[in-house]
Amino acid sequence: VAANEEAAVVDDEEKAAVAANEEAAVVDDEEKAAVAANEEADDKAAVEAPPPSSPPDDAPPESASSQKSSENEDDGVPPPFCQETGAAFKMVGPIWAGPLHDWEWVTAALDRIESGVDKYLSTRERLHGVLTAVSEELPDVPLYYTLPDICSTLHCQSPKMAEVKAALAHAGYRCSQFHREPDAIKTDAPPRILWDIFRCWCQKHPISEKRLAETHLAHAKILTVAPKLRANFATTAAMRAPKTKARRWAPNPEDHWGPKAAAHGRKRPRHR
């Protein structure tokens, strides 16, 4: 009797194993059917999709620079040439890309000077001006532009610093001046925005047609492109609000400071 019971148990286990194998086979068949259905749907979509459009025969071929630009933009790498003129960039460096100043120290030094603790310090006024200019500077923008250099490139009339700052502010970007150069401006706007602002400025204050005819030069290449941004040079009330009174840039040490007039006249003969 015991032997028969053991045989019956073994028989039941074998039946259970067979049933489990059959269930696994059914699941496997269902997965294969699902894969086949997905492949069939992909093949149908590929057949129904229109072929990629080819450029017309008379279309100009894409330049190598534009091909490189699109490849670099896809990779998230800036192109190795100027997008305004197409000229190759000149590699320089290294540069310090971090903060230029210790803001806690600048604030503490400025508070000390304004409190009058060092009122007998001979350079107090100059230090107050430099520290004030530093405290108003953008801390996360390491480089700057100078308005005379930009206007020299474009051969255009120079706008006021307040007008350029107003145009950047209306476009939604931050800007400040640089403590070492009164004609310098720092901004988080990309270069194309700044060039668009000066394109709009040159539309209000046109340069000579002779300059625009020099299509092989940088200024003509930049100004012949229509600006995508409509610059607004009007200053706001907040921009016109009085600032901290300070001499932000050191004055000349004396009147009429600078290069003197060139020497002229006839050289006298030496008497022997």
Protein backbone atom coordinates (compact mmCIF):
# COMPACT_ATOMS: atom_id res chain seq x y z
CA VAL A 1 0.00 0.00 0.00
CA ALA A 2 2.84 2.40 0.90
CA ALA A 3 4.55 1.68 -2.41
CA ASN A 4 1.34 2.41 -4.31
CA GLU A 5 0.89 5.70 -2.44
CA GLU A 6 4.46 6.74 -3.28
CA ALA A 7 3.90 5.87 -6.93
CA ALA A 8 0.69 7.93 -6.94
CA VAL A 9 2.57 10.94 -5.48
CA VAL A 10 5.29 10.65 -8.11
CA ASP A 11 2.63 10.39 -10.81
CA ASP A 12 0.94 13.56 -9.53
CA GLU A 13 4.26 15.41 -9.51
CA GLU A 14 4.95 14.34 -13.07
CA LYS A 15 1.49 15.55 -14.14
CA ALA A 16 2.06 18.89 -12.42
CA ALA A 17 5.42 19.27 -14.19
CA VAL A 18 3.82 18.48 -17.56
CA ALA A 19 1.05 21.05 -16.90
CA ALA A 20 3.65 23.69 -15.95
CA ASN A 21 5.60 23.00 -19.16
CA GLU A 22 2.42 23.34 -21.20
CA GLU A 23 1.62 26.68 -19.54
CA ALA A 24 5.16 27.94 -20.22
CA ALA A 25 4.81 26.88 -23.85
CA VAL A 26 1.54 28.81 -24.15
CA VAL A 27 3.15 31.96 -22.66
CA ASP A 28 6.09 31.57 -25.03
CA ASP A 29 3.75 31.30 -28.02
CA GLU A 30 1.89 34.44 -26.91
CA GLU A 31 5.16 36.40 -26.65
CA LYS A 32 6.23 35.24 -30.11
CA ALA A 33 2.86 36.29 -31.50
CA ALA A 34 3.20 39.76 -29.89
CA VAL A 35 6.71 40.21 -31.34
CA ALA A 36 5.48 39.16 -34.78
CA ALA A 37 2.58 41.65 -34.55
CA ASN A 38 4.97 44.50 -33.62
CA GLU A 39 7.29 43.67 -36.51
CA GLU A 40 4.33 43.59 -38.89
CA ALA A 41 3.16 47.00 -37.64
CA ASP A 42 6.67 48.46 -38.06
CA ASP A 43 6.90 47.11 -41.61
CA LYS A 44 3.50 48.60 -42.45
CA ALA A 45 4.51 52.02 -41.03
CA ALA A 46 7.76 51.95 -42.99
CA VAL A 47 5.85 51.22 -46.19
CA GLU A 48 3.29 53.97 -45.57
CA ALA A 49 5.88 56.63 -44.58
CA PRO A 50 6.71 59.06 -47.42
CA PRO A 51 10.28 58.99 -48.73
CA PRO A 52 12.58 61.81 -47.54
CA SER A 53 12.29 64.88 -49.70
CA SER A 54 15.33 65.59 -51.81
CA PRO A 55 16.40 69.15 -52.63
CA PRO A 56 15.52 70.42 -56.09
CA ASP A 57 18.12 70.20 -58.80
CA ASP A 58 18.59 73.98 -58.89
CA ALA A 59 19.04 74.33 -55.11
CA PRO A 60 22.51 75.52 -54.07
CA PRO A 61 24.60 72.95 -52.24
CA GLU A 62 24.89 73.36 -48.49
CA SER A 63 28.16 75.01 -47.57
CA ALA A 64 30.76 73.16 -45.55
CA SER A 65 30.54 75.77 -42.79
CA SER A 66 26.78 75.30 -42.40
CA GLN A 67 27.20 71.53 -42.39
CA LYS A 68 29.83 71.80 -39.65
CA SER A 69 27.64 74.25 -37.74
CA SER A 70 24.66 71.88 -37.75
CA GLU A 71 26.86 68.95 -36.72
CA ASN A 72 28.40 70.93 -33.86
CA GLU A 73 25.02 72.22 -32.69
CA ASP A 74 23.70 68.65 -32.59
CA ASP A 75 26.68 67.67 -30.44
CA GLY A 76 26.19 70.68 -28.15
CA VAL A 77 29.62 72.07 -29.12
CA PRO A 78 29.94 75.68 -30.34
CA PRO A 79 31.16 76.00 -33.93
CA PRO A 80 34.88 76.77 -34.49
CA PHE A 81 34.05 79.86 -36.57
CA CYS A 82 32.13 83.12 -36.20
CA GLN A 83 28.46 82.66 -37.03
CA GLU A 84 28.21 86.33 -38.03
CA THR A 85 31.09 86.55 -40.52
CA GLY A 86 32.15 82.93 -41.10
CA ALA A 87 35.74 83.70 -40.08
CA ALA A 88 37.67 81.15 -38.04
CA PHE A 89 38.06 81.84 -34.35
CA LYS A 90 41.48 82.62 -32.91
CA MET A 91 42.22 80.39 -29.95
CA VAL A 92 43.43 82.22 -26.84
CA GLY A 93 43.68 81.43 -23.17
CA PRO A 94 43.54 80.10 -20.64
CA ILE A 95 41.10 82.44 -18.91
CA TRP A 96 39.69 82.54 -15.40
CA ALA A 97 35.98 81.69 -15.74
CA GLY A 98 35.09 81.85 -12.04
CA PRO A 99 34.11 84.84 -9.89
CA LEU A 100 36.62 87.68 -9.98
CA HIS A 101 35.90 89.03 -6.50
CA ASP A 102 35.23 87.89 -2.96
CA TRP A 103 31.84 89.54 -2.50
CA GLU A 104 31.83 89.28 1.29
CA TRP A 105 35.19 91.06 1.43
CA VAL A 106 34.05 93.74 -1.06
CA THR A 107 30.87 94.39 0.94
CA ALA A 108 32.79 94.55 4.23
CA ALA A 109 35.40 96.94 2.80
CA LEU A 110 32.72 99.16 1.27
CA ASP A 111 30.82 99.31 4.58
CA ARG A 112 34.02 100.22 6.41
CA ILE A 113 34.80 103.09 4.03
CA GLU A 114 31.22 104.41 4.07
CA SER A 115 31.14 104.32 7.87
CA GLY A 116 33.99 106.84 7.99
CA VAL A 117 36.38 104.71 10.05
CA ASP A 118 39.24 105.53 7.67
CA LYS A 119 38.31 109.16 7.02
CA TYR A 120 41.94 110.25 7.06
CA LEU A 121 42.92 107.72 4.39
CA SER A 122 44.24 109.66 1.38
CA THR A 123 42.88 107.18 -1.19
CA ARG A 124 39.47 106.84 0.46
CA GLU A 125 37.52 108.45 -2.40
CA ARG A 126 39.24 106.35 -5.05
CA LEU A 127 38.78 103.12 -3.08
CA HIS A 128 35.10 103.91 -2.55
CA GLY A 129 34.63 104.41 -6.29
CA VAL A 130 36.39 101.19 -7.31
CA LEU A 131 34.61 99.08 -4.70
CA THR A 132 31.26 100.58 -5.71
CA ALA A 133 31.88 99.69 -9.35
CA VAL A 134 32.94 96.17 -8.34
CA SER A 135 29.81 95.70 -6.22
CA GLU A 136 27.59 96.59 -9.22
CA GLU A 137 29.33 94.15 -11.57
CA LEU A 138 27.80 90.86 -12.79
CA PRO A 139 29.56 88.15 -10.74
CA ASP A 140 28.97 85.24 -13.15
CA VAL A 141 30.07 86.86 -16.45
CA PRO A 142 33.88 86.76 -16.79
CA LEU A 143 34.32 88.55 -20.14
CA TYR A 144 33.16 91.91 -21.50
CA TYR A 145 32.69 93.93 -24.68
CA THR A 146 33.84 97.50 -25.30
CA LEU A 147 31.53 99.81 -27.22
CA PRO A 148 34.36 101.58 -29.11
CA ASP A 149 35.65 98.23 -30.42
CA ILE A 150 32.18 97.16 -31.63
CA CYS A 151 31.55 100.52 -33.29
CA SER A 152 35.01 100.44 -34.85
CA THR A 153 34.20 97.04 -36.36
CA LEU A 154 30.91 98.31 -37.80
CA HIS A 155 32.18 101.83 -38.68
CA CYS A 156 29.11 103.29 -37.01
CA GLN A 157 28.27 106.08 -34.59
CA SER A 158 28.68 105.01 -30.97
CA PRO A 159 25.52 104.77 -28.85
CA LYS A 160 25.39 105.86 -25.24
CA MET A 161 26.10 103.22 -22.62
CA ALA A 162 22.61 103.79 -21.15
CA GLU A 163 21.00 103.05 -24.53
CA VAL A 164 22.82 99.74 -24.93
CA LYS A 165 21.99 98.73 -21.36
CA ALA A 166 18.34 99.66 -21.97
CA ALA A 167 18.19 97.53 -25.13
CA LEU A 168 19.64 94.53 -23.28
CA ALA A 169 17.25 95.00 -20.36
CA HIS A 170 14.20 95.24 -22.67
CA ALA A 171 15.37 92.03 -24.39
CA GLY A 172 15.35 90.25 -21.03
CA TYR A 173 19.09 90.05 -20.32
CA ARG A 174 21.27 91.27 -17.47
CA CYS A 175 24.14 93.69 -17.97
CA SER A 176 26.60 95.79 -16.03
CA GLN A 177 29.73 97.80 -16.56
CA PHE A 178 33.28 96.70 -15.83
CA HIS A 179 35.21 98.29 -12.99
CA ARG A 180 38.42 98.69 -15.02
CA GLU A 181 36.97 100.20 -18.22
CA PRO A 182 34.15 102.81 -18.35
CA ASP A 183 33.28 101.92 -21.98
CA ALA A 184 33.05 98.16 -21.29
CA ILE A 185 29.85 96.21 -20.78
CA LYS A 186 29.29 92.72 -19.36
CA THR A 187 26.12 90.79 -20.21
CA ASP A 188 24.69 87.28 -20.17
CA ALA A 189 23.17 87.85 -23.63
CA PRO A 190 24.61 85.66 -26.43
CA PRO A 191 26.67 87.45 -29.10
CA ARG A 192 23.88 87.27 -31.70
CA ILE A 193 21.63 89.39 -29.43
CA LEU A 194 24.30 92.06 -29.06
CA TRP A 195 24.91 92.13 -32.81
CA ASP A 196 21.15 92.39 -33.42
CA ILE A 197 21.05 95.40 -31.09
CA PHE A 198 23.79 97.10 -33.08
CA ARG A 199 22.10 96.15 -36.37
CA CYS A 200 19.01 98.01 -35.12
CA TRP A 201 21.23 100.90 -34.03
CA CYS A 202 22.78 101.09 -37.50
CA GLN A 203 19.29 101.13 -39.03
CA LYS A 204 18.56 104.27 -36.98
CA HIS A 205 22.03 105.69 -37.66
CA PRO A 206 23.05 104.27 -41.08
CA ILE A 207 26.64 103.93 -42.13
CA SER A 208 27.80 105.03 -45.57
CA GLU A 209 26.75 103.05 -48.64
CA LYS A 210 30.42 102.81 -49.57
CA ARG A 211 31.06 100.82 -46.41
CA LEU A 212 28.11 98.50 -47.07
CA ALA A 213 29.44 97.82 -50.57
CA GLU A 214 32.55 96.20 -49.06
CA THR A 215 30.81 92.83 -48.87
CA HIS A 216 34.02 90.91 -48.19
CA LEU A 217 34.65 92.73 -44.90
CA ALA A 218 33.23 91.91 -41.47
CA HIS A 219 31.05 95.01 -40.99
CA ALA A 220 29.19 94.45 -44.28
CA LYS A 221 28.65 90.75 -43.54
CA ILE A 222 27.18 91.60 -40.14
CA LEU A 223 24.96 94.50 -41.25
CA THR A 224 23.52 92.80 -44.36
CA VAL A 225 21.79 90.25 -42.09
CA ALA A 226 18.32 91.35 -40.95
CA PRO A 227 18.01 91.51 -37.15
CA LYS A 228 15.61 89.04 -35.51
CA LEU A 229 15.38 91.24 -32.42
CA ARG A 230 13.73 94.66 -32.49
CA ALA A 231 15.86 96.62 -30.05
CA ASN A 232 14.27 99.17 -27.72
CA PHE A 233 16.76 101.86 -26.70
CA ALA A 234 14.38 103.79 -24.43
CA THR A 235 15.55 104.00 -20.84
CA THR A 236 13.15 103.19 -18.01
CA ALA A 237 12.52 105.03 -14.75
CA ALA A 238 14.50 102.41 -12.85
CA MET A 239 17.49 103.01 -15.13
CA ARG A 240 17.25 106.75 -14.61
CA ALA A 241 17.04 106.43 -10.83
CA PRO A 242 19.97 108.03 -8.98
CA LYS A 243 22.74 105.63 -8.03
CA THR A 244 25.21 105.67 -5.21
CA LYS A 245 27.33 108.77 -5.58
CA ALA A 246 30.86 107.56 -6.29
CA ARG A 247 33.70 108.17 -8.71
CA ARG A 248 33.63 104.68 -10.19
CA TRP A 249 36.60 105.22 -12.48
CA ALA A 250 39.70 107.00 -11.28
CA PRO A 251 39.95 110.57 -12.59
CA ASN A 252 43.01 111.93 -14.32
CA PRO A 253 45.72 112.89 -11.84
CA GLU A 254 45.83 116.46 -13.22
CA ASP A 255 44.18 118.73 -15.76
CA HIS A 256 44.93 118.24 -19.47
CA TRP A 257 46.26 114.76 -18.72
CA GLY A 258 47.17 112.61 -21.72
CA PRO A 259 49.36 112.68 -24.81
CA LYS A 260 50.71 116.08 -25.64
CA ALA A 261 50.85 117.60 -29.10
CA ALA A 262 53.52 116.20 -31.36
CA ALA A 263 56.69 118.21 -31.68
CA HIS A 264 56.93 120.23 -34.87
CA GLY A 265 59.27 122.77 -36.41
CA ARG A 266 62.52 122.73 -38.23
CA LYS A 267 65.52 121.20 -36.64
CA ARG A 268 68.25 123.71 -36.11
CA PRO A 269 71.73 122.87 -37.28
CA ARG A 270 74.28 122.27 -34.59
CA HIS A 271 77.13 124.76 -34.39
CA ARG A 272 80.56 123.33 -34.01
